[in-house]
Amino acid sequence: MSEFHDDYPQYEMMAHHSEEAGVAKRKKLWGVFWIMLTITIIELIIGFNNHYFNPTLLMFIFIGFTVLKAFYIVYAFMHLGDEKKALKWVIIAPYSCFIIYLAFMVCLGEGEYSMGHRNVMDKQITEQQQKLKEGGEQHEQTGEHHEGETQHHE
């Protein structure tokens, strides 16, 4: 019986990697780990100090870092970095176009919705404040007071 018909083939033994190849692969994985850790730490620092940045700039920074981390995951763990240049572009180009489209739509679409919604909310808040102000002025003019209020006369 050949080794391929075995119930439990030992695939790790069939790869025949040398120790040098193993060292190179581990070095590459550690490099990706340190790059992704650095990007994550930078994201955290920016996130905790977000009051120094414009919200639109923050959005682009975080989208950029997310795309960068996704690239490194695909490059190293899905072995896209080991493929031929043409295959890399066939895989990366559609995703890149889609990411650019999404970023564009978030900036235009969500921005328009937010501004329109914010204007409506600001108008409602202003109306409520105006009603409260008018109610307070009427209260002072009539001299009425609510239960629990005490009047202090000197």
Protein backbone atom coordinates (compact mmCIF):
# COMPACT_ATOMS: atom_id res chain seq x y z
CA MET A 1 0.00 0.00 0.00
CA SER A 2 1.41 3.41 -0.92
CA GLU A 3 1.66 6.29 1.47
CA PHE A 4 -1.18 8.17 -0.31
CA HIS A 5 -3.68 5.42 0.52
CA ASP A 6 -2.79 5.45 4.18
CA ASP A 7 -5.56 6.36 6.63
CA TYR A 8 -3.30 8.90 8.29
CA PRO A 9 -0.83 10.27 5.76
CA GLN A 10 1.99 12.27 7.21
CA TYR A 11 1.77 15.32 5.00
CA GLU A 12 4.24 17.26 7.09
CA MET A 13 6.89 14.63 6.33
CA MET A 14 6.07 14.64 2.62
CA ALA A 15 6.90 18.33 2.21
CA HIS A 16 10.63 17.68 2.78
CA HIS A 17 11.44 21.18 3.97
CA SER A 18 15.01 21.80 4.98
CA GLU A 19 15.87 23.59 8.19
CA GLU A 20 17.04 26.62 6.20
CA ALA A 21 13.67 26.85 4.44
CA GLY A 22 11.90 26.59 7.81
CA VAL A 23 14.05 29.39 9.24
CA ALA A 24 13.27 31.61 6.23
CA LYS A 25 9.51 30.96 6.57
CA ARG A 26 9.53 31.69 10.30
CA LYS A 27 11.54 34.87 9.72
CA LYS A 28 8.96 36.01 7.13
CA LEU A 29 6.05 35.26 9.50
CA TRP A 30 7.72 37.12 12.38
CA GLY A 31 8.32 40.07 10.06
CA VAL A 32 4.61 40.17 9.17
CA PHE A 33 3.72 39.86 12.86
CA TRP A 34 5.90 42.85 13.81
CA ILE A 35 4.57 44.94 10.92
CA MET A 36 0.95 44.21 11.87
CA LEU A 37 1.66 44.83 15.56
CA THR A 38 3.24 48.19 14.72
CA ILE A 39 0.26 49.20 12.56
CA THR A 40 -2.15 48.16 15.33
CA ILE A 41 -0.24 50.16 17.96
CA ILE A 42 -0.26 53.22 15.68
CA GLU A 43 -4.02 52.78 15.20
CA LEU A 44 -4.52 52.64 18.97
CA ILE A 45 -2.41 55.74 19.56
CA ILE A 46 -4.34 57.65 16.91
CA GLY A 47 -7.64 56.33 18.27
CA PHE A 48 -6.89 57.49 21.81
CA ASN A 49 -5.77 60.91 20.52
CA ASN A 50 -8.58 61.34 17.99
CA HIS A 51 -9.41 64.88 19.16
CA TYR A 52 -6.30 66.13 17.33
CA PHE A 53 -7.58 64.93 13.94
CA ASN A 54 -10.33 65.91 11.54
CA PRO A 55 -13.02 63.15 11.52
CA THR A 56 -12.75 62.71 7.74
CA LEU A 57 -8.98 62.36 8.01
CA LEU A 58 -9.44 59.80 10.80
CA MET A 59 -11.77 57.80 8.59
CA PHE A 60 -9.21 57.71 5.78
CA ILE A 61 -6.39 56.82 8.19
CA PHE A 62 -8.28 53.88 9.67
CA ILE A 63 -9.49 52.64 6.28
CA GLY A 64 -5.92 52.85 4.99
CA PHE A 65 -4.51 50.94 7.95
CA THR A 66 -7.23 48.29 7.62
CA VAL A 67 -6.47 47.81 3.93
CA LEU A 68 -2.74 47.66 4.71
CA LYS A 69 -3.27 44.95 7.33
CA ALA A 70 -5.54 43.02 4.96
CA PHE A 71 -2.81 43.22 2.31
CA TYR A 72 -0.21 41.74 4.66
CA ILE A 73 -2.56 38.93 5.68
CA VAL A 74 -3.22 38.04 2.04
CA TYR A 75 0.42 38.50 1.08
CA ALA A 76 1.90 36.31 3.80
CA PHE A 77 -0.72 33.88 5.08
CA MET A 78 -2.52 33.25 1.80
CA HIS A 79 0.83 33.10 -0.05
CA LEU A 80 -0.07 35.71 -2.64
CA GLY A 81 3.44 37.12 -2.30
CA ASP A 82 4.83 33.89 -3.73
CA GLU A 83 2.71 34.02 -6.90
CA LYS A 84 3.56 35.43 -10.32
CA LYS A 85 3.01 39.14 -10.89
CA ALA A 86 0.10 38.64 -13.35
CA LEU A 87 -1.84 36.47 -10.91
CA LYS A 88 -1.27 38.99 -8.11
CA TRP A 89 -2.83 41.74 -10.26
CA VAL A 90 -5.76 39.54 -11.32
CA ILE A 91 -6.58 39.00 -7.65
CA ILE A 92 -5.68 42.42 -6.23
CA ALA A 93 -7.09 44.75 -8.94
CA PRO A 94 -10.82 43.95 -8.46
CA TYR A 95 -10.54 44.23 -4.69
CA SER A 96 -8.63 47.50 -5.00
CA CYS A 97 -11.31 48.96 -7.27
CA PHE A 98 -14.03 47.81 -4.88
CA ILE A 99 -12.25 49.31 -1.86
CA ILE A 100 -11.79 52.64 -3.66
CA TYR A 101 -15.48 52.57 -4.62
CA LEU A 102 -16.53 51.88 -1.02
CA ALA A 103 -14.32 54.65 0.35
CA PHE A 104 -15.74 57.05 -2.25
CA MET A 105 -19.34 56.09 -1.41
CA VAL A 106 -18.74 56.38 2.33
CA CYS A 107 -17.30 59.86 1.88
CA LEU A 108 -20.07 61.09 -0.41
CA GLY A 109 -23.08 59.05 0.63
CA GLU A 110 -22.59 58.91 4.35
CA GLY A 111 -21.40 62.50 4.46
CA GLU A 112 -24.52 63.74 2.73
CA TYR A 113 -26.76 61.66 5.00
CA SER A 114 -24.94 62.83 8.11
CA MET A 115 -25.11 66.50 7.13
CA GLY A 116 -28.79 66.29 6.21
CA HIS A 117 -29.64 64.37 9.36
CA ARG A 118 -27.55 66.74 11.49
CA ASN A 119 -29.34 69.78 10.02
CA VAL A 120 -32.73 68.25 10.84
CA MET A 121 -31.61 67.40 14.38
CA ASP A 122 -30.16 70.90 14.91
CA LYS A 123 -33.44 72.44 13.76
CA GLN A 124 -35.44 70.23 16.16
CA ILE A 125 -33.15 71.06 19.07
CA THR A 126 -33.38 74.78 18.32
CA GLU A 127 -37.18 74.56 18.24
CA GLN A 128 -37.24 72.70 21.55
CA GLN A 129 -34.93 75.24 23.16
CA GLN A 130 -37.10 78.06 21.84
CA LYS A 131 -40.24 76.44 23.31
CA LEU A 132 -38.52 75.96 26.66
CA LYS A 133 -37.36 79.56 26.63
CA GLU A 134 -40.86 80.80 25.79
CA GLY A 135 -42.32 78.58 28.51
CA GLY A 136 -39.87 80.03 31.04
CA GLU A 137 -40.72 83.60 30.04
CA GLN A 138 -44.44 82.90 30.43
CA HIS A 139 -43.77 81.33 33.81
CA GLU A 140 -41.94 84.45 35.01
CA GLN A 141 -44.65 86.78 33.68
CA THR A 142 -47.55 84.96 35.34
CA GLY A 143 -45.70 84.29 38.57
CA GLU A 144 -46.82 80.67 38.54
CA HIS A 145 -44.77 78.04 40.24
CA HIS A 146 -44.84 74.28 40.13
CA GLU A 147 -45.34 71.95 43.07
CA GLY A 148 -42.24 71.56 45.12
CA GLU A 149 -41.01 75.04 44.32
CA THR A 150 -40.54 77.34 47.26
CA GLN A 151 -40.85 81.05 47.11
CA HIS A 152 -38.38 83.09 49.01
CA HIS A 153 -39.50 86.56 49.89
CA GLU A 154 -37.36 88.96 51.77
